[in-house]
Each structure stands twice: as structure tokens, then as C-alpha cells.
Amino acid sequence: MIPVAREPKALSNTGIYENCCFCGVPSPFWYEKNDVCVCKSCAEEKDEKDVPTKEEWFKQEKKLIELK
């Protein structure tokens, strides 16, 4: 299980969220240690050791954008 925290209201007032680093679903939850988005479902199923670094997550997101 991965401990996650909800993004502060001041940052989430637009209703636009980052994509979970595992499943890609937009989520207001974050794994604060690596500063990456992790949805509640993935947080329950995955382990902390599997969370990518912020740099790895950015690279992953960039590849997804380029494929579109």
C-alpha cells in the first residue's frame, strides 16, 4: 500500500488533476515522497517501491502525449 495525501484545495480548485503514474486516471491524490500523482485505487494495490521518481513520471507522461 502506498500512503497518499489529497492535493491542497488551493491547488485543486480548477477540478483539473494530474494523471496517476500507474493507471493514467486523473486524481487529486499524491505520493508526497516522490511528488507524483497516485490514485486511491492504485495506492491500495501497489507498493511504495514501485512508485516512479518525478523525473521518470514526467518522461512517461511525455511519451503518452507524443503518442496522441
C-alpha atoms as a PDB file:
ATOM      1  CA  MET A   1       0.000   0.000   0.000  1.00  0.00           C
ATOM      2  CA  ILE A   2       1.185   3.497  -0.851  1.00  0.00           C
ATOM      3  CA  PRO A   3       0.404   6.372   1.539  1.00  0.00           C
ATOM      4  CA  VAL A   4      -1.172   9.233  -0.408  1.00  0.00           C
ATOM      5  CA  ALA A   5      -2.366  12.708   0.509  1.00  0.00           C
ATOM      6  CA  ARG A   6      -5.028  14.805  -1.145  1.00  0.00           C
ATOM      7  CA  GLU A   7      -3.771  17.802  -3.094  1.00  0.00           C
ATOM      8  CA  PRO A   8      -4.409  21.057  -1.190  1.00  0.00           C
ATOM      9  CA  LYS A   9      -7.734  22.716  -2.067  1.00  0.00           C
ATOM     10  CA  ALA A  10      -5.886  25.850  -3.207  1.00  0.00           C
ATOM     11  CA  LEU A  11      -4.237  23.797  -5.966  1.00  0.00           C
ATOM     12  CA  SER A  12      -7.267  21.738  -6.940  1.00  0.00           C
ATOM     13  CA  ASN A  13      -9.922  24.443  -7.223  1.00  0.00           C
ATOM     14  CA  THR A  14      -9.988  24.043 -11.036  1.00  0.00           C
ATOM     15  CA  GLY A  15     -11.039  20.389 -10.918  1.00  0.00           C
ATOM     16  CA  ILE A  16      -8.176  19.547 -13.294  1.00  0.00           C
ATOM     17  CA  TYR A  17      -5.891  16.861 -11.917  1.00  0.00           C
ATOM     18  CA  GLU A  18      -2.641  15.175 -12.915  1.00  0.00           C
ATOM     19  CA  ASN A  19      -2.704  11.583 -14.161  1.00  0.00           C
ATOM     20  CA  CYS A  20      -1.947   8.683 -11.844  1.00  0.00           C
ATOM     21  CA  CYS A  21       1.574   7.418 -12.518  1.00  0.00           C
ATOM     22  CA  PHE A  22       0.256   3.850 -12.754  1.00  0.00           C
ATOM     23  CA  CYS A  23      -3.140   3.825 -14.469  1.00  0.00           C
ATOM     24  CA  GLY A  24      -3.297   7.305 -16.018  1.00  0.00           C
ATOM     25  CA  VAL A  25      -6.600   8.278 -14.404  1.00  0.00           C
ATOM     26  CA  PRO A  26      -6.720  11.928 -13.243  1.00  0.00           C
ATOM     27  CA  SER A  27      -6.540  12.080  -9.452  1.00  0.00           C
ATOM     28  CA  PRO A  28      -6.198  14.665  -6.663  1.00  0.00           C
ATOM     29  CA  PHE A  29      -4.040  12.243  -4.627  1.00  0.00           C
ATOM     30  CA  TRP A  30      -0.258  12.330  -4.409  1.00  0.00           C
ATOM     31  CA  TYR A  31       2.600  10.248  -3.058  1.00  0.00           C
ATOM     32  CA  GLU A  32       4.373  13.139  -1.379  1.00  0.00           C
ATOM     33  CA  LYS A  33       7.794  11.469  -1.010  1.00  0.00           C
ATOM     34  CA  ASN A  34       8.275  11.342  -4.813  1.00  0.00           C
ATOM     35  CA  ASP A  35       5.826  14.187  -5.560  1.00  0.00           C
ATOM     36  CA  VAL A  36       3.869  12.145  -8.102  1.00  0.00           C
ATOM     37  CA  CYS A  37       0.180  11.513  -8.613  1.00  0.00           C
ATOM     38  CA  VAL A  38      -1.140   8.143  -7.390  1.00  0.00           C
ATOM     39  CA  CYS A  39      -4.886   7.465  -7.385  1.00  0.00           C
ATOM     40  CA  LYS A  40      -6.540   5.822  -4.378  1.00  0.00           C
ATOM     41  CA  SER A  41      -7.159   2.537  -6.234  1.00  0.00           C
ATOM     42  CA  CYS A  42      -3.536   2.143  -7.300  1.00  0.00           C
ATOM     43  CA  ALA A  43      -2.337   3.253  -3.862  1.00  0.00           C
ATOM     44  CA  GLU A  44      -4.219   0.299  -2.358  1.00  0.00           C
ATOM     45  CA  GLU A  45      -2.856  -2.217  -4.873  1.00  0.00           C
ATOM     46  CA  LYS A  46       0.756  -1.124  -5.396  1.00  0.00           C
ATOM     47  CA  ASP A  47       3.871  -0.884  -3.215  1.00  0.00           C
ATOM     48  CA  GLU A  48       5.915   2.222  -2.450  1.00  0.00           C
ATOM     49  CA  LYS A  49       8.955   0.674  -4.121  1.00  0.00           C
ATOM     50  CA  ASP A  50       7.055   0.721  -7.434  1.00  0.00           C
ATOM     51  CA  VAL A  51       6.382   4.477  -7.447  1.00  0.00           C
ATOM     52  CA  PRO A  52       8.461   6.208 -10.134  1.00  0.00           C
ATOM     53  CA  THR A  53      10.584   9.247  -9.429  1.00  0.00           C
ATOM     54  CA  LYS A  54       9.189  12.583 -10.550  1.00  0.00           C
ATOM     55  CA  GLU A  55      11.633  12.552 -13.489  1.00  0.00           C
ATOM     56  CA  GLU A  56      10.531   9.052 -14.552  1.00  0.00           C
ATOM     57  CA  TRP A  57       6.894  10.088 -14.276  1.00  0.00           C
ATOM     58  CA  PHE A  58       7.479  13.183 -16.459  1.00  0.00           C
ATOM     59  CA  LYS A  59       9.198  11.043 -19.102  1.00  0.00           C
ATOM     60  CA  GLN A  60       6.291   8.598 -19.027  1.00  0.00           C
ATOM     61  CA  GLU A  61       3.734  11.412 -19.429  1.00  0.00           C
ATOM     62  CA  LYS A  62       5.737  12.971 -22.266  1.00  0.00           C
ATOM     63  CA  LYS A  63       5.749   9.652 -24.172  1.00  0.00           C
ATOM     64  CA  LEU A  64       1.976   9.374 -23.773  1.00  0.00           C
ATOM     65  CA  ILE A  65       1.453  12.899 -25.099  1.00  0.00           C
ATOM     66  CA  GLU A  66       3.703  12.209 -28.089  1.00  0.00           C
ATOM     67  CA  LEU A  67       1.664   9.095 -28.959  1.00  0.00           C
ATOM     68  CA  LYS A  68      -1.558  11.094 -29.215  1.00  0.00           C
END
